[in-house]
């Protein structure tokens, strides 16, 4: 795979709406038990920094989190959020996970949430994460698996969304079904001590399904994904509008339910 890939989602408000919902509790529970005060953590692809901030609290006092992302604008938002939380043990920098600008053996924990599905070469990314992790430390990764996402009821249009998104993501150089591949990728990257698991996000209350459907409807027509999809000839604006309407119809269903399966790996360096 190429090391360059287009970030399919972009950083439209509808994307950050979902990213800001993420916490260590709902998105990194598989890692929390490994964290101790005083640890040094590298958070790769930190986005708006909500998980980052939780990690900083978990390794304080005495611990330090370095948060990196390829997008300077979203790093600024992450920095502002950490400041709002009163955290003084977080620093931020732009970085490319394929070529991290840190010395070997720099961190006790290297963490990446929903990152490997978007990179051009996930094996190289994992090798770099391993390189900067101290011997005996942990490399942790968690990614969704789009083909395994499931919902009820079977509203016409959502299956079209699922197939279209997977085609666009792959055309951009990513792998939308990354969750099921994490263990295989970790082994290919040279890890031998790997603990694999899976957990799910589930949106089942009326409030949750309304929120989830609205952000995906907005993302389908107004985000970088919409622009990439139409410019790439994957769908027309009218087709995207139809899919967005399907999201809103589904979200209004009284029995609406949606589950996102996430694969996880904890790798000992």
Protein backbone atom coordinates (compact mmCIF):
# COMPACT_ATOMS: atom_id res chain seq x y z
CA UNK A 1 0.00 0.00 0.00
CA UNK A 2 1.07 3.60 -0.50
CA UNK A 3 1.99 5.66 2.53
CA UNK A 4 -0.23 8.50 1.33
CA UNK A 5 -3.98 8.30 1.74
CA UNK A 6 -6.79 10.82 1.80
CA UNK A 7 -8.55 11.21 5.15
CA UNK A 8 -12.05 10.28 4.05
CA UNK A 9 -13.95 12.08 6.80
CA UNK A 10 -12.20 15.44 6.95
CA UNK A 11 -12.90 17.74 9.89
CA UNK A 12 -16.36 19.12 9.18
CA UNK A 13 -18.45 19.94 12.25
CA UNK A 14 -20.52 16.78 11.67
CA UNK A 15 -17.36 14.69 11.94
CA UNK A 16 -16.03 16.45 15.02
CA UNK A 17 -19.49 16.12 16.59
CA UNK A 18 -18.91 12.39 16.79
CA UNK A 19 -15.21 12.61 17.64
CA UNK A 20 -15.87 14.89 20.63
CA UNK A 21 -18.27 12.28 22.02
CA UNK A 22 -15.40 9.83 22.46
CA UNK A 23 -13.85 9.26 25.87
CA UNK A 24 -11.35 6.81 27.28
CA UNK A 25 -14.27 5.00 28.93
CA UNK A 26 -16.30 4.49 25.74
CA UNK A 27 -13.42 4.22 23.27
CA UNK A 28 -10.30 2.94 25.07
CA UNK A 29 -11.59 0.75 27.90
CA UNK A 30 -9.38 -2.11 26.71
CA UNK A 31 -6.31 0.06 27.48
CA UNK A 32 -7.32 1.73 30.75
CA UNK A 33 -6.25 -1.18 32.96
CA UNK A 34 -2.71 -0.94 31.60
CA UNK A 35 -2.23 2.73 32.48
CA UNK A 36 -0.41 3.91 35.61
CA UNK A 37 0.51 7.32 37.03
CA UNK A 38 3.89 8.46 35.76
CA UNK A 39 3.66 6.78 32.35
CA UNK A 40 4.55 8.54 29.12
CA UNK A 41 1.95 8.15 26.37
CA UNK A 42 1.94 8.98 22.66
CA UNK A 43 -1.60 9.50 21.35
CA UNK A 44 -1.49 9.17 17.56
CA UNK A 45 -4.24 10.83 15.52
CA UNK A 46 -5.65 12.58 18.58
CA UNK A 47 -8.32 14.61 16.74
CA UNK A 48 -10.12 17.08 19.03
CA UNK A 49 -8.44 15.55 22.07
CA UNK A 50 -11.24 14.17 24.22
CA UNK A 51 -9.60 10.75 24.61
CA UNK A 52 -6.21 12.45 24.95
CA UNK A 53 -7.41 14.48 27.92
CA UNK A 54 -8.73 11.38 29.67
CA UNK A 55 -5.44 9.57 29.11
CA UNK A 56 -3.58 12.54 30.61
CA UNK A 57 -5.70 12.34 33.74
CA UNK A 58 -5.15 8.59 33.99
CA UNK A 59 -1.34 8.85 33.90
CA UNK A 60 -1.12 11.87 36.17
CA UNK A 61 0.44 12.89 38.43
CA UNK A 62 3.89 12.58 36.96
CA UNK A 63 2.85 11.16 33.61
CA UNK A 64 2.97 12.94 30.28
CA UNK A 65 0.90 12.61 27.10
CA UNK A 66 2.21 13.71 23.71
CA UNK A 67 -0.69 14.05 21.27
CA UNK A 68 -0.07 14.18 17.53
CA UNK A 69 -2.24 14.60 14.46
CA UNK A 70 -1.65 15.40 10.80
CA UNK A 71 -4.12 18.33 10.88
CA UNK A 72 -2.93 21.54 12.63
CA UNK A 73 -6.47 22.97 12.89
CA UNK A 74 -7.80 20.06 14.89
CA UNK A 75 -4.67 20.07 17.07
CA UNK A 76 -5.49 23.65 18.04
CA UNK A 77 -8.93 22.48 19.14
CA UNK A 78 -7.37 19.64 21.14
CA UNK A 79 -5.02 22.06 22.84
CA UNK A 80 -7.88 24.38 23.76
CA UNK A 81 -9.86 21.44 25.18
CA UNK A 82 -6.92 20.29 27.33
CA UNK A 83 -6.58 23.85 28.62
CA UNK A 84 -10.29 23.93 29.48
CA UNK A 85 -9.80 20.72 31.46
CA UNK A 86 -6.89 22.32 33.33
CA UNK A 87 -4.40 19.70 32.13
CA UNK A 88 -0.72 20.62 32.21
CA UNK A 89 0.75 17.25 31.25
CA UNK A 90 -0.20 17.27 27.55
CA UNK A 91 1.79 18.56 24.59
CA UNK A 92 0.75 18.66 20.94
CA UNK A 93 2.54 18.36 17.60
CA UNK A 94 1.85 17.58 13.96
CA UNK A 95 3.10 14.19 12.84
CA UNK A 96 2.92 11.51 10.18
CA UNK A 97 2.45 8.10 11.76
CA UNK A 98 4.48 6.53 8.93
CA UNK A 99 7.56 8.53 10.05
CA UNK A 100 7.28 9.66 13.65
CA UNK A 101 9.85 12.26 14.66
CA UNK A 102 10.66 10.73 18.03
CA UNK A 103 13.69 8.68 19.10
CA UNK A 104 13.47 4.93 19.58
CA UNK A 105 12.04 3.76 22.92
CA UNK A 106 10.47 7.13 23.81
CA UNK A 107 7.10 6.12 25.30
CA UNK A 108 5.60 3.58 27.67
CA UNK A 109 2.34 3.47 25.70
CA UNK A 110 1.59 4.32 22.07
CA UNK A 111 -2.13 4.62 21.32
CA UNK A 112 -4.08 5.06 18.08
CA UNK A 113 -7.86 5.23 17.96
CA UNK A 114 -9.62 4.98 14.57
CA UNK A 115 -6.35 5.77 12.77
CA UNK A 116 -5.11 2.66 10.98
CA UNK A 117 -8.21 2.45 8.78
CA UNK A 118 -7.26 5.79 7.23
CA UNK A 119 -3.51 5.43 6.60
CA UNK A 120 -1.87 4.31 3.39
CA UNK A 121 0.39 1.72 5.04
CA UNK A 122 -0.90 0.38 8.36
CA UNK A 123 2.04 -2.01 8.70
CA UNK A 124 4.55 0.83 8.48
CA UNK A 125 2.42 2.82 10.93
CA UNK A 126 2.52 -0.05 13.41
CA UNK A 127 6.26 -0.50 12.92
CA UNK A 128 6.78 3.16 13.74
CA UNK A 129 4.53 2.91 16.78
CA UNK A 130 6.55 -0.09 17.90
CA UNK A 131 9.87 1.70 17.28
CA UNK A 132 9.03 4.60 19.57
CA UNK A 133 7.60 2.33 22.29
CA UNK A 134 9.94 1.22 25.07
CA UNK A 135 10.72 -2.49 25.49
CA UNK A 136 7.94 -4.00 27.54
CA UNK A 137 5.64 -1.11 26.70
CA UNK A 138 2.29 -1.26 24.95
CA UNK A 139 1.12 -0.39 21.46
CA UNK A 140 -2.67 -0.12 21.45
CA UNK A 141 -4.95 0.29 18.44
CA UNK A 142 -8.71 0.29 17.99
CA UNK A 143 -10.57 0.58 14.69
CA UNK A 144 -14.12 0.21 13.47
CA UNK A 145 -15.18 -2.39 10.93
CA UNK A 146 -17.69 -0.89 8.48
CA UNK A 147 -18.77 -4.17 6.94
CA UNK A 148 -19.71 -5.41 10.42
CA UNK A 149 -21.87 -2.41 11.29
CA UNK A 150 -25.50 -3.40 11.68
CA UNK A 151 -28.79 -1.69 12.34
CA UNK A 152 -32.54 -2.07 12.65
CA UNK A 153 -34.92 -1.52 10.97
CA UNK A 154 -33.62 -2.15 7.45
CA UNK A 155 -34.40 1.31 6.11
CA UNK A 156 -33.84 1.52 2.32
CA UNK A 157 -30.75 3.59 1.65
CA UNK A 158 -28.55 2.61 4.59
CA UNK A 159 -27.18 -0.43 2.80
CA UNK A 160 -26.34 1.92 -0.07
CA UNK A 161 -24.53 4.17 2.41
CA UNK A 162 -22.51 1.27 3.77
CA UNK A 163 -21.41 0.02 0.35
CA UNK A 164 -20.67 3.51 -0.94
CA UNK A 165 -18.62 4.50 2.10
CA UNK A 166 -16.48 1.35 1.84
CA UNK A 167 -15.83 1.99 -1.87
CA UNK A 168 -14.87 5.61 -1.28
CA UNK A 169 -12.60 4.80 1.66
CA UNK A 170 -10.72 2.19 -0.35
CA UNK A 171 -10.41 4.56 -3.32
CA UNK A 172 -8.81 7.02 -0.89
CA UNK A 173 -6.17 4.45 0.07
CA UNK A 174 -7.69 3.33 3.37
CA UNK A 175 -9.24 0.11 4.69
CA UNK A 176 -12.73 0.61 6.12
CA UNK A 177 -12.89 -2.93 7.51
CA UNK A 178 -9.75 -2.40 9.58
CA UNK A 179 -11.14 -3.75 12.83
CA UNK A 180 -10.99 -7.39 11.75
CA UNK A 181 -7.47 -6.92 10.37
CA UNK A 182 -5.71 -5.42 13.40
CA UNK A 183 -4.33 -8.70 14.75
CA UNK A 184 -3.10 -9.73 11.31
CA UNK A 185 -1.50 -6.33 10.74
CA UNK A 186 0.19 -6.42 14.16
CA UNK A 187 1.66 -9.85 13.44
CA UNK A 188 2.89 -8.71 10.05
CA UNK A 189 4.47 -5.65 11.67
CA UNK A 190 6.56 -7.89 13.91
CA UNK A 191 4.60 -8.11 17.16
CA UNK A 192 4.43 -11.54 18.79
CA UNK A 193 2.68 -10.74 22.11
CA UNK A 194 -0.77 -9.58 21.00
CA UNK A 195 -4.04 -9.52 22.93
CA UNK A 196 -7.03 -9.12 20.62
CA UNK A 197 -10.53 -8.06 21.59
CA UNK A 198 -13.63 -6.36 20.25
CA UNK A 199 -16.15 -3.96 21.73
CA UNK A 200 -19.08 -2.10 20.25
CA UNK A 201 -20.65 1.30 20.33
CA UNK A 202 -24.41 0.91 20.42
CA UNK A 203 -26.93 3.67 19.77
CA UNK A 204 -30.32 2.54 20.98
CA UNK A 205 -32.19 5.32 22.78
CA UNK A 206 -34.25 7.88 20.88
CA UNK A 207 -31.71 10.56 21.77
CA UNK A 208 -28.75 8.44 20.64
CA UNK A 209 -30.26 7.37 17.32
CA UNK A 210 -31.38 10.92 16.53
CA UNK A 211 -27.84 12.17 17.21
CA UNK A 212 -26.16 9.39 15.20
CA UNK A 213 -28.48 9.66 12.22
CA UNK A 214 -28.26 13.47 12.09
CA UNK A 215 -24.48 13.58 12.11
CA UNK A 216 -24.27 10.95 9.35
CA UNK A 217 -26.92 12.74 7.29
CA UNK A 218 -24.93 15.97 7.60
CA UNK A 219 -21.65 14.21 6.89
CA UNK A 220 -23.12 12.61 3.76
CA UNK A 221 -23.98 15.93 2.13
CA UNK A 222 -21.77 18.61 3.73
CA UNK A 223 -18.38 17.17 4.74
CA UNK A 224 -15.15 16.44 2.89
CA UNK A 225 -16.54 12.95 2.34
CA UNK A 226 -19.37 14.40 0.24
CA UNK A 227 -16.95 16.40 -1.87
CA UNK A 228 -14.57 13.48 -2.35
CA UNK A 229 -17.46 11.18 -3.24
CA UNK A 230 -18.92 13.43 -5.94
CA UNK A 231 -15.57 14.56 -7.39
CA UNK A 232 -14.43 10.95 -7.56
CA UNK A 233 -17.53 9.92 -9.49
CA UNK A 234 -18.66 7.49 -6.78
CA UNK A 235 -22.11 9.10 -6.40
CA UNK A 236 -24.00 12.18 -7.48
CA UNK A 237 -25.18 14.95 -5.17
CA UNK A 238 -28.74 13.69 -5.68
CA UNK A 239 -27.74 10.18 -4.61
CA UNK A 240 -26.03 11.54 -1.50
CA UNK A 241 -29.14 13.57 -0.68
CA UNK A 242 -31.22 10.39 -0.94
CA UNK A 243 -28.86 8.58 1.44
CA UNK A 244 -28.95 11.50 3.88
CA UNK A 245 -32.75 11.40 3.82
CA UNK A 246 -32.59 7.66 4.55
CA UNK A 247 -30.46 8.39 7.62
CA UNK A 248 -33.03 10.88 8.91
CA UNK A 249 -35.90 8.47 8.22
CA UNK A 250 -34.13 5.70 10.10
CA UNK A 251 -33.29 8.00 13.01
CA UNK A 252 -36.98 8.81 13.48
CA UNK A 253 -37.96 5.15 13.81
CA UNK A 254 -39.10 4.35 17.37
CA UNK A 255 -37.23 1.03 17.34
CA UNK A 256 -34.05 2.34 15.68
CA UNK A 257 -30.86 0.58 16.81
CA UNK A 258 -27.31 0.78 15.45
CA UNK A 259 -24.12 -1.02 16.46
CA UNK A 260 -20.52 -0.28 15.46
CA UNK A 261 -18.10 -3.17 15.98
CA UNK A 262 -14.54 -2.14 16.87
CA UNK A 263 -11.51 -4.42 16.77
CA UNK A 264 -8.76 -3.85 19.32
CA UNK A 265 -5.17 -4.97 19.90
CA UNK A 266 -2.81 -4.58 22.84
CA UNK A 267 0.71 -5.40 21.66
CA UNK A 268 3.74 -5.75 23.93
CA UNK A 269 6.76 -4.09 22.38
